[in-house]
Amino acid sequence: MHAGRYRVLRERDGVIFYIRSHQEEKILVVLNFNGRSVSFPAGDFLSEGSEWLFPGERRRIRPNELLKLAPFEGVIVKI
């Protein structure tokens, strides 16, 4: 997405969560810039039916799921 709004949700310990939105499309981007794995509850940012667009993987996410990112990894979630 190259047009639209950008809103930072959280920046902490080298991990940035932000939303990009344009018209009816909205995505959550999570970037892990530190050298350790991080985990976060999906329900903190996502609703039922959000779609995880991860390298090599595309699946629906449940709000009670614990999502994990490896060091220096990022993910895009269609919300």
C-alpha atoms as a PDB file:
ATOM      1  CA  MET A   1       0.000   0.000   0.000  1.00  0.00           C
ATOM      2  CA  HIS A   2       1.622   3.236  -1.085  1.00  0.00           C
ATOM      3  CA  ALA A   3      -1.221   5.682  -0.417  1.00  0.00           C
ATOM      4  CA  GLY A   4      -3.367   6.403   2.597  1.00  0.00           C
ATOM      5  CA  ARG A   5      -3.010   7.007   6.283  1.00  0.00           C
ATOM      6  CA  TYR A   6      -0.332   5.801   8.696  1.00  0.00           C
ATOM      7  CA  ARG A   7      -0.985   5.478  12.436  1.00  0.00           C
ATOM      8  CA  VAL A   8       1.466   4.095  14.999  1.00  0.00           C
ATOM      9  CA  LEU A   9      -0.264   1.921  17.602  1.00  0.00           C
ATOM     10  CA  ARG A  10       2.736   0.970  19.718  1.00  0.00           C
ATOM     11  CA  GLU A  11       6.525   1.299  19.730  1.00  0.00           C
ATOM     12  CA  ARG A  12       8.304  -0.625  22.465  1.00  0.00           C
ATOM     13  CA  ASP A  13      11.521  -2.594  22.868  1.00  0.00           C
ATOM     14  CA  GLY A  14      12.383  -2.420  19.167  1.00  0.00           C
ATOM     15  CA  VAL A  15       8.941  -3.578  17.988  1.00  0.00           C
ATOM     16  CA  ILE A  16       6.686  -1.250  16.005  1.00  0.00           C
ATOM     17  CA  PHE A  17       2.972  -1.830  15.406  1.00  0.00           C
ATOM     18  CA  TYR A  18       1.252   0.443  12.915  1.00  0.00           C
ATOM     19  CA  ILE A  19      -1.869   0.608  10.765  1.00  0.00           C
ATOM     20  CA  ARG A  20      -1.951   1.600   7.096  1.00  0.00           C
ATOM     21  CA  SER A  21      -5.340   2.381   5.647  1.00  0.00           C
ATOM     22  CA  HIS A  22      -6.642   3.613   2.325  1.00  0.00           C
ATOM     23  CA  GLN A  23     -10.308   3.779   1.385  1.00  0.00           C
ATOM     24  CA  GLU A  24     -11.768   0.415   2.530  1.00  0.00           C
ATOM     25  CA  GLU A  25      -8.436  -1.402   2.890  1.00  0.00           C
ATOM     26  CA  LYS A  26      -6.688  -1.638   6.260  1.00  0.00           C
ATOM     27  CA  ILE A  27      -3.524  -3.511   7.241  1.00  0.00           C
ATOM     28  CA  LEU A  28      -1.574  -3.937  10.456  1.00  0.00           C
ATOM     29  CA  VAL A  29       2.211  -4.030  10.087  1.00  0.00           C
ATOM     30  CA  VAL A  30       4.369  -5.408  12.902  1.00  0.00           C
ATOM     31  CA  LEU A  31       8.156  -5.056  12.645  1.00  0.00           C
ATOM     32  CA  ASN A  32      10.598  -6.626  15.095  1.00  0.00           C
ATOM     33  CA  PHE A  33      13.872  -4.688  14.936  1.00  0.00           C
ATOM     34  CA  ASN A  34      15.600  -6.392  17.848  1.00  0.00           C
ATOM     35  CA  GLY A  35      17.682  -9.529  18.149  1.00  0.00           C
ATOM     36  CA  ARG A  36      15.201 -11.614  20.113  1.00  0.00           C
ATOM     37  CA  SER A  37      11.853 -13.228  19.395  1.00  0.00           C
ATOM     38  CA  VAL A  38       8.704 -11.460  20.564  1.00  0.00           C
ATOM     39  CA  SER A  39       5.145 -12.650  21.210  1.00  0.00           C
ATOM     40  CA  PHE A  40       1.911 -10.720  21.510  1.00  0.00           C
ATOM     41  CA  PRO A  41      -1.770 -11.631  21.902  1.00  0.00           C
ATOM     42  CA  ALA A  42      -3.591 -11.209  18.596  1.00  0.00           C
ATOM     43  CA  GLY A  43      -6.603  -9.805  20.428  1.00  0.00           C
ATOM     44  CA  ASP A  44      -4.587  -6.705  21.379  1.00  0.00           C
ATOM     45  CA  PHE A  45      -4.781  -5.529  17.749  1.00  0.00           C
ATOM     46  CA  LEU A  46      -6.939  -7.860  15.675  1.00  0.00           C
ATOM     47  CA  SER A  47     -10.528  -8.944  15.382  1.00  0.00           C
ATOM     48  CA  GLU A  48     -11.983 -12.315  14.379  1.00  0.00           C
ATOM     49  CA  GLY A  49     -11.228 -13.170  10.763  1.00  0.00           C
ATOM     50  CA  SER A  50      -8.089 -11.088  10.312  1.00  0.00           C
ATOM     51  CA  GLU A  51      -5.801 -12.629   7.718  1.00  0.00           C
ATOM     52  CA  TRP A  52      -2.106 -13.226   8.481  1.00  0.00           C
ATOM     53  CA  LEU A  53       0.048 -12.498   5.406  1.00  0.00           C
ATOM     54  CA  PHE A  54       3.337 -14.022   6.451  1.00  0.00           C
ATOM     55  CA  PRO A  55       6.196 -15.182   4.223  1.00  0.00           C
ATOM     56  CA  GLY A  56       5.029 -18.522   2.858  1.00  0.00           C
ATOM     57  CA  GLU A  57       1.837 -18.525   4.929  1.00  0.00           C
ATOM     58  CA  ARG A  58      -1.632 -17.049   4.590  1.00  0.00           C
ATOM     59  CA  ARG A  59      -4.235 -17.942   7.209  1.00  0.00           C
ATOM     60  CA  ARG A  60      -7.008 -16.598   9.426  1.00  0.00           C
ATOM     61  CA  ILE A  61      -6.125 -15.483  12.956  1.00  0.00           C
ATOM     62  CA  ARG A  62      -8.153 -16.058  16.109  1.00  0.00           C
ATOM     63  CA  PRO A  63      -8.175 -13.187  18.668  1.00  0.00           C
ATOM     64  CA  ASN A  64      -7.065 -15.536  21.471  1.00  0.00           C
ATOM     65  CA  GLU A  65      -3.992 -16.637  19.509  1.00  0.00           C
ATOM     66  CA  LEU A  66      -0.454 -15.775  20.641  1.00  0.00           C
ATOM     67  CA  LEU A  67       1.495 -14.475  17.633  1.00  0.00           C
ATOM     68  CA  LYS A  68       5.283 -14.778  17.485  1.00  0.00           C
ATOM     69  CA  LEU A  69       7.930 -12.962  15.462  1.00  0.00           C
ATOM     70  CA  ALA A  70      11.540 -14.077  15.123  1.00  0.00           C
ATOM     71  CA  PRO A  71      14.378 -11.563  15.488  1.00  0.00           C
ATOM     72  CA  PHE A  72      14.362  -8.949  12.697  1.00  0.00           C
ATOM     73  CA  GLU A  73      11.122 -10.313  11.268  1.00  0.00           C
ATOM     74  CA  GLY A  74       8.002  -8.462  10.123  1.00  0.00           C
ATOM     75  CA  VAL A  75       4.433  -9.402   9.318  1.00  0.00           C
ATOM     76  CA  ILE A  76       1.474  -7.852   7.516  1.00  0.00           C
ATOM     77  CA  VAL A  77      -2.045  -8.610   8.708  1.00  0.00           C
ATOM     78  CA  LYS A  78      -5.093  -7.733   6.614  1.00  0.00           C
ATOM     79  CA  ILE A  79      -7.769  -6.440   8.999  1.00  0.00           C
END
